[in-house]
């Protein structure tokens, strides 16, 4: 089974489009790299990527005859995805165990979703 774990960093929705990590953030990224390496060595990783802040993104909303495009930042956003892991695992419980090992910061959230196999 495949699962996506979405990293939802606290306050990432407020980061500027040209966000770069400070010294503390760079140290946290080193720890995250070790975590990612452990998952790769375990053979469960299909893909891992970080995402730029919403201020650098765009949304396309559908509702009428013409899609509406909005460029970030998005004022109504309270939580935003900062990155993801696509993993090949045997169960949601295994995904939860990997998520619990993540060197996340206080206030961060990891959401786990199974890939639909339609």
PDB file of N, CA and C in Angstrom:
ATOM      1  N   UNK A   1       0.834  -1.175   0.000  1.00  0.00           N
ATOM      2  CA  UNK A   1       0.000   0.000   0.000  1.00  0.00           C
ATOM      3  C   UNK A   1       0.883   1.244   0.000  1.00  0.00           C
ATOM      4  N   UNK A   2       0.387   2.253  -0.656  1.00  0.00           N
ATOM      5  CA  UNK A   2       1.120   3.512  -0.669  1.00  0.00           C
ATOM      6  C   UNK A   2       0.407   4.536   0.211  1.00  0.00           C
ATOM      7  N   UNK A   3       1.216   5.288   0.931  1.00  0.00           N
ATOM      8  CA  UNK A   3       0.718   6.337   1.801  1.00  0.00           C
ATOM      9  C   UNK A   3       1.477   7.624   1.531  1.00  0.00           C
ATOM     10  N   UNK A   4       0.774   8.746   1.623  1.00  0.00           N
ATOM     11  CA  UNK A   4       1.428  10.049   1.594  1.00  0.00           C
ATOM     12  C   UNK A   4       1.377  10.607   3.000  1.00  0.00           C
ATOM     13  N   UNK A   5       2.511  11.099   3.435  1.00  0.00           N
ATOM     14  CA  UNK A   5       2.574  11.851   4.680  1.00  0.00           C
ATOM     15  C   UNK A   5       2.847  13.297   4.282  1.00  0.00           C
ATOM     16  N   UNK A   6       1.961  14.178   4.682  1.00  0.00           N
ATOM     17  CA  UNK A   6       2.087  15.598   4.368  1.00  0.00           C
ATOM     18  C   UNK A   6       2.618  16.332   5.595  1.00  0.00           C
ATOM     19  N   UNK A   7       3.712  17.060   5.438  1.00  0.00           N
ATOM     20  CA  UNK A   7       4.223  17.891   6.525  1.00  0.00           C
ATOM     21  C   UNK A   7       3.490  19.228   6.484  1.00  0.00           C
ATOM     22  N   UNK A   8       2.909  19.596   7.585  1.00  0.00           N
ATOM     23  CA  UNK A   8       2.209  20.876   7.705  1.00  0.00           C
ATOM     24  C   UNK A   8       2.949  21.679   8.777  1.00  0.00           C
ATOM     25  N   UNK A   9       3.967  22.452   8.376  1.00  0.00           N
ATOM     26  CA  UNK A   9       4.750  23.202   9.357  1.00  0.00           C
ATOM     27  C   UNK A   9       3.952  24.360   9.950  1.00  0.00           C
ATOM     28  N   UNK A  10       4.128  24.570  11.230  1.00  0.00           N
ATOM     29  CA  UNK A  10       3.447  25.674  11.906  1.00  0.00           C
ATOM     30  C   UNK A  10       3.851  26.996  11.256  1.00  0.00           C
ATOM     31  N   UNK A  11       2.889  27.810  10.929  1.00  0.00           N
ATOM     32  CA  UNK A  11       3.080  29.163  10.399  1.00  0.00           C
ATOM     33  C   UNK A  11       3.743  29.233   9.023  1.00  0.00           C
ATOM     34  N   UNK A  12       3.876  28.104   8.304  1.00  0.00           N
ATOM     35  CA  UNK A  12       4.501  28.136   6.973  1.00  0.00           C
ATOM     36  C   UNK A  12       3.654  28.945   5.995  1.00  0.00           C
ATOM     37  N   UNK A  13       2.347  29.024   6.262  1.00  0.00           N
ATOM     38  CA  UNK A  13       1.455  29.786   5.389  1.00  0.00           C
ATOM     39  C   UNK A  13       1.791  31.282   5.408  1.00  0.00           C
ATOM     40  N   UNK A  14       2.561  31.733   6.406  1.00  0.00           N
ATOM     41  CA  UNK A  14       2.934  33.142   6.506  1.00  0.00           C
ATOM     42  C   UNK A  14       4.319  33.432   5.915  1.00  0.00           C
ATOM     43  N   UNK A  15       5.018  32.411   5.445  1.00  0.00           N
ATOM     44  CA  UNK A  15       6.376  32.593   4.917  1.00  0.00           C
ATOM     45  C   UNK A  15       6.353  33.352   3.591  1.00  0.00           C
ATOM     46  N   UNK A  16       7.346  34.217   3.356  1.00  0.00           N
ATOM     47  CA  UNK A  16       7.404  34.945   2.092  1.00  0.00           C
ATOM     48  C   UNK A  16       7.767  34.016   0.932  1.00  0.00           C
ATOM     49  N   UNK A  17       7.479  34.455  -0.270  1.00  0.00           N
ATOM     50  CA  UNK A  17       7.732  33.642  -1.469  1.00  0.00           C
ATOM     51  C   UNK A  17       9.203  33.260  -1.609  1.00  0.00           C
ATOM     52  N   UNK A  18      10.096  34.122  -1.151  1.00  0.00           N
ATOM     53  CA  UNK A  18      11.534  33.856  -1.271  1.00  0.00           C
ATOM     54  C   UNK A  18      12.125  33.279   0.016  1.00  0.00           C
ATOM     55  N   UNK A  19      11.312  32.593   0.806  1.00  0.00           N
ATOM     56  CA  UNK A  19      11.722  32.049   2.091  1.00  0.00           C
ATOM     57  C   UNK A  19      12.995  31.215   1.971  1.00  0.00           C
ATOM     58  N   UNK A  20      13.892  31.419   2.895  1.00  0.00           N
ATOM     59  CA  UNK A  20      15.100  30.608   3.036  1.00  0.00           C
ATOM     60  C   UNK A  20      15.260  30.299   4.523  1.00  0.00           C
ATOM     61  N   UNK A  21      15.731  29.099   4.862  1.00  0.00           N
ATOM     62  CA  UNK A  21      15.871  28.765   6.281  1.00  0.00           C
ATOM     63  C   UNK A  21      16.993  29.575   6.942  1.00  0.00           C
ATOM     64  N   UNK A  22      16.762  29.952   8.199  1.00  0.00           N
ATOM     65  CA  UNK A  22      17.811  30.599   8.982  1.00  0.00           C
ATOM     66  C   UNK A  22      18.708  29.500   9.565  1.00  0.00           C
ATOM     67  N   UNK A  23      19.643  29.865  10.445  1.00  0.00           N
ATOM     68  CA  UNK A  23      20.580  28.876  11.001  1.00  0.00           C
ATOM     69  C   UNK A  23      19.840  27.752  11.721  1.00  0.00           C
ATOM     70  N   UNK A  24      18.817  28.099  12.501  1.00  0.00           N
ATOM     71  CA  UNK A  24      18.035  27.081  13.200  1.00  0.00           C
ATOM     72  C   UNK A  24      17.309  26.178  12.198  1.00  0.00           C
ATOM     73  N   UNK A  25      16.772  26.797  11.152  1.00  0.00           N
ATOM     74  CA  UNK A  25      16.081  26.036  10.122  1.00  0.00           C
ATOM     75  C   UNK A  25      17.013  25.107   9.357  1.00  0.00           C
ATOM     76  N   UNK A  26      18.229  25.570   9.104  1.00  0.00           N
ATOM     77  CA  UNK A  26      19.209  24.721   8.414  1.00  0.00           C
ATOM     78  C   UNK A  26      19.585  23.522   9.281  1.00  0.00           C
ATOM     79  N   UNK A  27      19.730  23.739  10.587  1.00  0.00           N
ATOM     80  CA  UNK A  27      20.020  22.628  11.502  1.00  0.00           C
ATOM     81  C   UNK A  27      18.856  21.635  11.510  1.00  0.00           C
ATOM     82  N   UNK A  28      17.631  22.149  11.501  1.00  0.00           N
ATOM     83  CA  UNK A  28      16.453  21.274  11.463  1.00  0.00           C
ATOM     84  C   UNK A  28      16.420  20.483  10.157  1.00  0.00           C
ATOM     85  N   UNK A  29      16.855  21.111   9.072  1.00  0.00           N
ATOM     86  CA  UNK A  29      16.874  20.409   7.776  1.00  0.00           C
ATOM     87  C   UNK A  29      17.904  19.277   7.773  1.00  0.00           C
ATOM     88  N   UNK A  30      19.006  19.456   8.480  1.00  0.00           N
ATOM     89  CA  UNK A  30      20.001  18.383   8.603  1.00  0.00           C
ATOM     90  C   UNK A  30      19.375  17.192   9.318  1.00  0.00           C
ATOM     91  N   UNK A  31      18.656  17.473  10.414  1.00  0.00           N
ATOM     92  CA  UNK A  31      17.982  16.391  11.145  1.00  0.00           C
ATOM     93  C   UNK A  31      16.918  15.722  10.284  1.00  0.00           C
ATOM     94  N   UNK A  32      16.186  16.512   9.509  1.00  0.00           N
ATOM     95  CA  UNK A  32      15.176  15.950   8.619  1.00  0.00           C
ATOM     96  C   UNK A  32      15.844  15.084   7.553  1.00  0.00           C
ATOM     97  N   UNK A  33      17.009  15.494   7.084  1.00  0.00           N
ATOM     98  CA  UNK A  33      17.755  14.688   6.113  1.00  0.00           C
ATOM     99  C   UNK A  33      18.132  13.324   6.676  1.00  0.00           C
ATOM    100  N   UNK A  34      18.515  13.286   7.945  1.00  0.00           N
ATOM    101  CA  UNK A  34      18.835  12.004   8.594  1.00  0.00           C
ATOM    102  C   UNK A  34      17.599  11.115   8.680  1.00  0.00           C
ATOM    103  N   UNK A  35      16.479  11.723   8.998  1.00  0.00           N
ATOM    104  CA  UNK A  35      15.211  10.996   9.058  1.00  0.00           C
ATOM    105  C   UNK A  35      14.858  10.429   7.685  1.00  0.00           C
ATOM    106  N   UNK A  36      14.979  11.264   6.656  1.00  0.00           N
ATOM    107  CA  UNK A  36      14.695  10.821   5.292  1.00  0.00           C
ATOM    108  C   UNK A  36      15.633   9.691   4.879  1.00  0.00           C
ATOM    109  N   UNK A  37      16.914   9.808   5.237  1.00  0.00           N
ATOM    110  CA  UNK A  37      17.887   8.751   4.930  1.00  0.00           C
ATOM    111  C   UNK A  37      17.488   7.430   5.583  1.00  0.00           C
ATOM    112  N   UNK A  38      17.009   7.486   6.833  1.00  0.00           N
ATOM    113  CA  UNK A  38      16.591   6.267   7.527  1.00  0.00           C
ATOM    114  C   UNK A  38      15.437   5.589   6.796  1.00  0.00           C
ATOM    115  N   UNK A  39      14.497   6.385   6.294  1.00  0.00           N
ATOM    116  CA  UNK A  39      13.377   5.798   5.544  1.00  0.00           C
ATOM    117  C   UNK A  39      13.863   5.210   4.223  1.00  0.00           C
ATOM    118  N   UNK A  40      14.811   5.897   3.582  1.00  0.00           N
ATOM    119  CA  UNK A  40      15.349   5.380   2.320  1.00  0.00           C
ATOM    120  C   UNK A  40      16.096   4.068   2.556  1.00  0.00           C
ATOM    121  N   UNK A  41      16.889   4.008   3.615  1.00  0.00           N
ATOM    122  CA  UNK A  41      17.622   2.777   3.939  1.00  0.00           C
ATOM    123  C   UNK A  41      16.673   1.633   4.272  1.00  0.00           C
ATOM    124  N   UNK A  42      15.507   1.962   4.836  1.00  0.00           N
ATOM    125  CA  UNK A  42      14.508   0.944   5.145  1.00  0.00           C
ATOM    126  C   UNK A  42      13.762   0.479   3.896  1.00  0.00           C
ATOM    127  N   UNK A  43      13.960   1.185   2.776  1.00  0.00           N
ATOM    128  CA  UNK A  43      13.346   0.790   1.508  1.00  0.00           C
ATOM    129  C   UNK A  43      11.879   1.147   1.378  1.00  0.00           C
ATOM    130  N   UNK A  44      11.399   2.130   2.145  1.00  0.00           N
ATOM    131  CA  UNK A  44       9.976   2.458   2.091  1.00  0.00           C
ATOM    132  C   UNK A  44       9.660   3.704   1.272  1.00  0.00           C
ATOM    133  N   UNK A  45      10.678   4.436   0.834  1.00  0.00           N
ATOM    134  CA  UNK A  45      10.475   5.720   0.159  1.00  0.00           C
ATOM    135  C   UNK A  45      10.252   5.545  -1.338  1.00  0.00           C
ATOM    136  N   UNK A  46       9.182   6.168  -1.838  1.00  0.00           N
ATOM    137  CA  UNK A  46       8.960   6.270  -3.283  1.00  0.00           C
ATOM    138  C   UNK A  46       9.349   7.665  -3.757  1.00  0.00           C
ATOM    139  N   UNK A  47       9.078   8.689  -2.930  1.00  0.00           N
ATOM    140  CA  UNK A  47       9.387  10.072  -3.295  1.00  0.00           C
ATOM    141  C   UNK A  47       9.345  10.938  -2.041  1.00  0.00           C
ATOM    142  N   UNK A  48      10.240  11.920  -1.978  1.00  0.00           N
ATOM    143  CA  UNK A  48      10.253  12.906  -0.892  1.00  0.00           C
ATOM    144  C   UNK A  48      10.533  14.259  -1.528  1.00  0.00           C
ATOM    145  N   UNK A  49       9.753  15.262  -1.158  1.00  0.00           N
ATOM    146  CA  UNK A  49      10.015  16.617  -1.647  1.00  0.00           C
ATOM    147  C   UNK A  49       9.493  17.649  -0.672  1.00  0.00           C
ATOM    148  N   UNK A  50      10.204  18.767  -0.603  1.00  0.00           N
ATOM    149  CA  UNK A  50       9.729  19.932   0.117  1.00  0.00           C
ATOM    150  C   UNK A  50       9.073  20.873  -0.880  1.00  0.00           C
ATOM    151  N   UNK A  51       8.208  21.722  -0.383  1.00  0.00           N
ATOM    152  CA  UNK A  51       7.489  22.663  -1.241  1.00  0.00           C
ATOM    153  C   UNK A  51       7.792  24.091  -0.806  1.00  0.00           C
ATOM    154  N   UNK A  52       7.836  24.991  -1.750  1.00  0.00           N
ATOM    155  CA  UNK A  52       7.993  26.403  -1.436  1.00  0.00           C
ATOM    156  C   UNK A  52       6.709  26.894  -0.765  1.00  0.00           C
ATOM    157  N   UNK A  53       6.774  28.007  -0.038  1.00  0.00           N
ATOM    158  CA  UNK A  53       5.590  28.511   0.668  1.00  0.00           C
ATOM    159  C   UNK A  53       4.459  28.889  -0.280  1.00  0.00           C
ATOM    160  N   UNK A  54       3.237  28.959   0.238  1.00  0.00           N
ATOM    161  CA  UNK A  54       2.093  29.325  -0.589  1.00  0.00           C
ATOM    162  C   UNK A  54       2.239  30.684  -1.257  1.00  0.00           C
ATOM    163  N   UNK A  55       3.009  31.589  -0.666  1.00  0.00           N
ATOM    164  CA  UNK A  55       3.206  32.908  -1.272  1.00  0.00           C
ATOM    165  C   UNK A  55       3.833  32.793  -2.656  1.00  0.00           C
ATOM    166  N   UNK A  56       4.519  31.683  -2.925  1.00  0.00           N
ATOM    167  CA  UNK A  56       5.137  31.462  -4.232  1.00  0.00           C
ATOM    168  C   UNK A  56       4.248  30.649  -5.162  1.00  0.00           C
ATOM    169  N   UNK A  57       3.043  30.295  -4.701  1.00  0.00           N
ATOM    170  CA  UNK A  57       2.171  29.422  -5.474  1.00  0.00           C
ATOM    171  C   UNK A  57       0.991  30.134  -6.109  1.00  0.00           C
ATOM    172  N   UNK A  58       0.133  29.332  -6.690  1.00  0.00           N
ATOM    173  CA  UNK A  58      -1.096  29.820  -7.309  1.00  0.00           C
ATOM    174  C   UNK A  58      -2.190  28.779  -7.072  1.00  0.00           C
ATOM    175  N   UNK A  59      -3.428  29.238  -7.086  1.00  0.00           N
ATOM    176  CA  UNK A  59      -4.583  28.356  -6.984  1.00  0.00           C
ATOM    177  C   UNK A  59      -5.495  28.605  -8.163  1.00  0.00           C
ATOM    178  N   UNK A  60      -6.080  27.544  -8.655  1.00  0.00           N
ATOM    179  CA  UNK A  60      -7.067  27.634  -9.721  1.00  0.00           C
ATOM    180  C   UNK A  60      -8.376  27.104  -9.137  1.00  0.00           C
ATOM    181  N   UNK A  61      -9.370  27.989  -9.002  1.00  0.00           N
ATOM    182  CA  UNK A  61     -10.665  27.627  -8.426  1.00  0.00           C
ATOM    183  C   UNK A  61     -11.708  27.482  -9.525  1.00  0.00           C
ATOM    184  N   UNK A  62     -12.519  26.457  -9.406  1.00  0.00           N
ATOM    185  CA  UNK A  62     -13.549  26.165 -10.403  1.00  0.00           C
ATOM    186  C   UNK A  62     -14.922  26.421  -9.806  1.00  0.00           C
ATOM    187  N   UNK A  63     -15.814  26.956 -10.590  1.00  0.00           N
ATOM    188  CA  UNK A  63     -17.157  27.209 -10.100  1.00  0.00           C
ATOM    189  C   UNK A  63     -18.057  27.798 -11.166  1.00  0.00           C
ATOM    190  N   UNK A  64     -17.493  28.472 -12.103  1.00  0.00           N
ATOM    191  CA  UNK A  64     -18.269  29.071 -13.184  1.00  0.00           C
ATOM    192  C   UNK A  64     -17.735  28.586 -14.511  1.00  0.00           C
ATOM    193  N   UNK A  65     -17.960  29.375 -15.550  1.00  0.00           N
ATOM    194  CA  UNK A  65     -17.501  28.969 -16.873  1.00  0.00           C
ATOM    195  C   UNK A  65     -15.994  29.159 -17.049  1.00  0.00           C
ATOM    196  N   UNK A  66     -15.402  30.067 -16.268  1.00  0.00           N
ATOM    197  CA  UNK A  66     -13.960  30.316 -16.364  1.00  0.00           C
ATOM    198  C   UNK A  66     -13.292  30.064 -15.018  1.00  0.00           C
ATOM    199  N   UNK A  67     -12.256  29.239 -14.989  1.00  0.00           N
ATOM    200  CA  UNK A  67     -11.532  29.044 -13.731  1.00  0.00           C
ATOM    201  C   UNK A  67     -10.941  30.368 -13.244  1.00  0.00           C
ATOM    202  N   UNK A  68     -10.928  30.550 -11.930  1.00  0.00           N
ATOM    203  CA  UNK A  68     -10.392  31.753 -11.314  1.00  0.00           C
ATOM    204  C   UNK A  68      -9.006  31.453 -10.756  1.00  0.00           C
ATOM    205  N   UNK A  69      -7.999  32.223 -11.169  1.00  0.00           N
ATOM    206  CA  UNK A  69      -6.627  32.024 -10.729  1.00  0.00           C
ATOM    207  C   UNK A  69      -6.286  33.071  -9.670  1.00  0.00           C
ATOM    208  N   UNK A  70      -5.766  32.592  -8.544  1.00  0.00           N
ATOM    209  CA  UNK A  70      -5.301  33.469  -7.468  1.00  0.00           C
ATOM    210  C   UNK A  70      -3.850  33.126  -7.178  1.00  0.00           C
ATOM    211  N   UNK A  71      -3.001  34.141  -7.160  1.00  0.00           N
ATOM    212  CA  UNK A  71      -1.596  33.935  -6.814  1.00  0.00           C
ATOM    213  C   UNK A  71      -1.418  34.187  -5.324  1.00  0.00           C
ATOM    214  N   UNK A  72      -0.508  33.426  -4.706  1.00  0.00           N
ATOM    215  CA  UNK A  72      -0.255  33.560  -3.274  1.00  0.00           C
ATOM    216  C   UNK A  72       0.349  34.898  -2.929  1.00  0.00           C
ATOM    217  N   UNK A  73       0.332  35.271  -1.674  1.00  0.00           N
ATOM    218  CA  UNK A  73      -0.117  34.461  -0.535  1.00  0.00           C
ATOM    219  C   UNK A  73      -1.636  34.387  -0.455  1.00  0.00           C
ATOM    220  N   UNK A  74      -2.105  33.375   0.247  1.00  0.00           N
ATOM    221  CA  UNK A  74      -3.528  33.128   0.381  1.00  0.00           C
ATOM    222  C   UNK A  74      -3.954  33.509   1.794  1.00  0.00           C
ATOM    223  N   UNK A  75      -4.741  34.549   1.920  1.00  0.00           N
ATOM    224  CA  UNK A  75      -5.072  35.116   3.231  1.00  0.00           C
ATOM    225  C   UNK A  75      -5.932  34.201   4.085  1.00  0.00           C
ATOM    226  N   UNK A  76      -6.701  33.317   3.504  1.00  0.00           N
ATOM    227  CA  UNK A  76      -7.601  32.454   4.275  1.00  0.00           C
ATOM    228  C   UNK A  76      -6.940  31.164   4.747  1.00  0.00           C
ATOM    229  N   UNK A  77      -5.702  30.926   4.376  1.00  0.00           N
ATOM    230  CA  UNK A  77      -5.034  29.676   4.715  1.00  0.00           C
ATOM    231  C   UNK A  77      -4.530  29.697   6.148  1.00  0.00           C
ATOM    232  N   UNK A  78      -4.889  28.671   6.914  1.00  0.00           N
ATOM    233  CA  UNK A  78      -4.378  28.555   8.274  1.00  0.00           C
ATOM    234  C   UNK A  78      -3.349  27.437   8.389  1.00  0.00           C
ATOM    235  N   UNK A  79      -3.442  26.433   7.544  1.00  0.00           N
ATOM    236  CA  UNK A  79      -2.471  25.346   7.501  1.00  0.00           C
ATOM    237  C   UNK A  79      -2.093  25.112   6.050  1.00  0.00           C
ATOM    238  N   UNK A  80      -0.825  24.828   5.821  1.00  0.00           N
ATOM    239  CA  UNK A  80      -0.392  24.606   4.452  1.00  0.00           C
ATOM    240  C   UNK A  80       0.657  23.505   4.407  1.00  0.00           C
ATOM    241  N   UNK A  81       0.662  22.753   3.336  1.00  0.00           N
ATOM    242  CA  UNK A  81       1.618  21.657   3.170  1.00  0.00           C
ATOM    243  C   UNK A  81       2.989  22.235   2.826  1.00  0.00           C
ATOM    244  N   UNK A  82       3.992  21.795   3.564  1.00  0.00           N
ATOM    245  CA  UNK A  82       5.358  22.245   3.314  1.00  0.00           C
ATOM    246  C   UNK A  82       6.202  21.202   2.617  1.00  0.00           C
ATOM    247  N   UNK A  83       5.711  19.987   2.550  1.00  0.00           N
ATOM    248  CA  UNK A  83       6.435  18.906   1.889  1.00  0.00           C
ATOM    249  C   UNK A  83       5.672  17.610   2.046  1.00  0.00           C
ATOM    250  N   UNK A  84       6.205  16.569   1.426  1.00  0.00           N
ATOM    251  CA  UNK A  84       5.523  15.280   1.500  1.00  0.00           C
ATOM    252  C   UNK A  84       6.504  14.132   1.366  1.00  0.00           C
ATOM    253  N   UNK A  85       6.060  12.985   1.837  1.00  0.00           N
ATOM    254  CA  UNK A  85       6.739  11.716   1.632  1.00  0.00           C
ATOM    255  C   UNK A  85       5.731  10.776   0.993  1.00  0.00           C
ATOM    256  N   UNK A  86       6.100  10.104  -0.070  1.00  0.00           N
ATOM    257  CA  UNK A  86       5.290   9.037  -0.653  1.00  0.00           C
ATOM    258  C   UNK A  86       5.992   7.740  -0.276  1.00  0.00           C
ATOM    259  N   UNK A  87       5.292   6.903   0.489  1.00  0.00           N
ATOM    260  CA  UNK A  87       5.900   5.707   1.056  1.00  0.00           C
ATOM    261  C   UNK A  87       5.157   4.443   0.646  1.00  0.00           C
ATOM    262  N   UNK A  88       5.887   3.359   0.511  1.00  0.00           N
ATOM    263  CA  UNK A  88       5.323   2.024   0.266  1.00  0.00           C
ATOM    264  C   UNK A  88       5.405   1.279   1.588  1.00  0.00           C
ATOM    265  N   UNK A  89       4.227   1.024   2.193  1.00  0.00           N
ATOM    266  CA  UNK A  89       4.176   0.430   3.525  1.00  0.00           C
ATOM    267  C   UNK A  89       3.128  -0.663   3.569  1.00  0.00           C
ATOM    268  N   UNK A  90       3.073  -1.373   4.673  1.00  0.00           N
ATOM    269  CA  UNK A  90       2.102  -2.465   4.798  1.00  0.00           C
ATOM    270  C   UNK A  90       0.795  -2.032   5.451  1.00  0.00           C
ATOM    271  N   UNK A  91       0.818  -0.881   6.169  1.00  0.00           N
ATOM    272  CA  UNK A  91      -0.391  -0.475   6.875  1.00  0.00           C
ATOM    273  C   UNK A  91      -0.313   0.996   7.287  1.00  0.00           C
ATOM    274  N   UNK A  92      -1.452   1.554   7.661  1.00  0.00           N
ATOM    275  CA  UNK A  92      -1.481   2.906   8.202  1.00  0.00           C
ATOM    276  C   UNK A  92      -0.722   2.965   9.522  1.00  0.00           C
ATOM    277  N   UNK A  93      -0.780   1.885  10.301  1.00  0.00           N
ATOM    278  CA  UNK A  93      -0.041   1.855  11.560  1.00  0.00           C
ATOM    279  C   UNK A  93       1.464   2.018  11.325  1.00  0.00           C
ATOM    280  N   UNK A  94       1.977   1.411  10.269  1.00  0.00           N
ATOM    281  CA  UNK A  94       3.392   1.568   9.940  1.00  0.00           C
ATOM    282  C   UNK A  94       3.692   3.023   9.560  1.00  0.00           C
ATOM    283  N   UNK A  95       2.786   3.652   8.816  1.00  0.00           N
ATOM    284  CA  UNK A  95       2.959   5.066   8.466  1.00  0.00           C
ATOM    285  C   UNK A  95       2.961   5.930   9.723  1.00  0.00           C
ATOM    286  N   UNK A  96       2.089   5.634  10.646  1.00  0.00           N
ATOM    287  CA  UNK A  96       2.035   6.386  11.901  1.00  0.00           C
ATOM    288  C   UNK A  96       3.348   6.241  12.669  1.00  0.00           C
ATOM    289  N   UNK A  97       3.895   5.033  12.693  1.00  0.00           N
ATOM    290  CA  UNK A  97       5.166   4.826  13.397  1.00  0.00           C
ATOM    291  C   UNK A  97       6.287   5.641  12.755  1.00  0.00           C
ATOM    292  N   UNK A  98       6.333   5.700  11.423  1.00  0.00           N
ATOM    293  CA  UNK A  98       7.340   6.532  10.758  1.00  0.00           C
ATOM    294  C   UNK A  98       7.108   8.006  11.077  1.00  0.00           C
ATOM    295  N   UNK A  99       5.866   8.441  11.049  1.00  0.00           N
ATOM    296  CA  UNK A  99       5.557   9.845  11.323  1.00  0.00           C
ATOM    297  C   UNK A  99       5.985  10.235  12.736  1.00  0.00           C
ATOM    298  N   UNK A 100       5.789   9.345  13.688  1.00  0.00           N
ATOM    299  CA  UNK A 100       6.151   9.642  15.072  1.00  0.00           C
ATOM    300  C   UNK A 100       7.660   9.823  15.257  1.00  0.00           C
ATOM    301  N   UNK A 101       8.450   9.298  14.338  1.00  0.00           N
ATOM    302  CA  UNK A 101       9.915   9.428  14.419  1.00  0.00           C
ATOM    303  C   UNK A 101      10.428  10.714  13.785  1.00  0.00           C
ATOM    304  N   UNK A 102       9.564  11.453  13.128  1.00  0.00           N
ATOM    305  CA  UNK A 102       9.973  12.664  12.409  1.00  0.00           C
ATOM    306  C   UNK A 102      10.486  13.721  13.390  1.00  0.00           C
ATOM    307  N   UNK A 103      11.607  14.373  13.059  1.00  0.00           N
ATOM    308  CA  UNK A 103      12.125  15.440  13.925  1.00  0.00           C
ATOM    309  C   UNK A 103      11.383  16.761  13.696  1.00  0.00           C
ATOM    310  N   UNK A 104      10.085  16.716  13.855  1.00  0.00           N
ATOM    311  CA  UNK A 104       9.244  17.894  13.623  1.00  0.00           C
ATOM    312  C   UNK A 104       9.392  18.895  14.768  1.00  0.00           C
ATOM    313  N   UNK A 105       9.044  20.126  14.459  1.00  0.00           N
ATOM    314  CA  UNK A 105       9.076  21.203  15.445  1.00  0.00           C
ATOM    315  C   UNK A 105       7.739  21.248  16.197  1.00  0.00           C
ATOM    316  N   UNK A 106       7.728  21.781  17.424  1.00  0.00           N
ATOM    317  CA  UNK A 106       6.457  21.937  18.136  1.00  0.00           C
ATOM    318  C   UNK A 106       5.455  22.736  17.291  1.00  0.00           C
ATOM    319  N   UNK A 107       4.252  22.239  17.193  1.00  0.00           N
ATOM    320  CA  UNK A 107       3.208  22.891  16.398  1.00  0.00           C
ATOM    321  C   UNK A 107       3.083  22.346  14.984  1.00  0.00           C
ATOM    322  N   UNK A 108       4.091  21.600  14.515  1.00  0.00           N
ATOM    323  CA  UNK A 108       4.007  20.979  13.186  1.00  0.00           C
ATOM    324  C   UNK A 108       3.012  19.819  13.237  1.00  0.00           C
ATOM    325  N   UNK A 109       2.484  19.474  12.082  1.00  0.00           N
ATOM    326  CA  UNK A 109       1.530  18.374  11.950  1.00  0.00           C
ATOM    327  C   UNK A 109       1.954  17.520  10.760  1.00  0.00           C
ATOM    328  N   UNK A 110       1.804  16.218  10.881  1.00  0.00           N
ATOM    329  CA  UNK A 110       1.939  15.323   9.732  1.00  0.00           C
ATOM    330  C   UNK A 110       0.592  14.657   9.520  1.00  0.00           C
ATOM    331  N   UNK A 111       0.056  14.843   8.319  1.00  0.00           N
ATOM    332  CA  UNK A 111      -1.202  14.187   7.947  1.00  0.00           C
ATOM    333  C   UNK A 111      -0.847  12.973   7.096  1.00  0.00           C
ATOM    334  N   UNK A 112      -1.495  11.854   7.369  1.00  0.00           N
ATOM    335  CA  UNK A 112      -1.232  10.598   6.663  1.00  0.00           C
ATOM    336  C   UNK A 112      -2.478  10.225   5.876  1.00  0.00           C
ATOM    337  N   UNK A 113      -2.283   9.963   4.580  1.00  0.00           N
ATOM    338  CA  UNK A 113      -3.405   9.566   3.721  1.00  0.00           C
ATOM    339  C   UNK A 113      -2.962   8.396   2.846  1.00  0.00           C
ATOM    340  N   UNK A 114      -3.792   7.371   2.752  1.00  0.00           N
ATOM    341  CA  UNK A 114      -3.510   6.254   1.866  1.00  0.00           C
ATOM    342  C   UNK A 114      -3.849   6.655   0.436  1.00  0.00           C
ATOM    343  N   UNK A 115      -3.032   6.212  -0.509  1.00  0.00           N
ATOM    344  CA  UNK A 115      -3.296   6.461  -1.921  1.00  0.00           C
ATOM    345  C   UNK A 115      -4.447   5.554  -2.341  1.00  0.00           C
ATOM    346  N   UNK A 116      -5.448   6.138  -2.974  1.00  0.00           N
ATOM    347  CA  UNK A 116      -6.604   5.368  -3.439  1.00  0.00           C
ATOM    348  C   UNK A 116      -6.169   4.453  -4.574  1.00  0.00           C
ATOM    349  N   UNK A 117      -6.539   3.224  -4.492  1.00  0.00           N
ATOM    350  CA  UNK A 117      -6.163   2.253  -5.523  1.00  0.00           C
ATOM    351  C   UNK A 117      -7.307   1.893  -6.423  1.00  0.00           C
ATOM    352  N   UNK A 118      -7.955   2.898  -6.993  1.00  0.00           N
ATOM    353  CA  UNK A 118      -9.113   2.649  -7.867  1.00  0.00           C
ATOM    354  C   UNK A 118      -8.675   2.034  -9.171  1.00  0.00           C
TER     355      UNK A 118
END
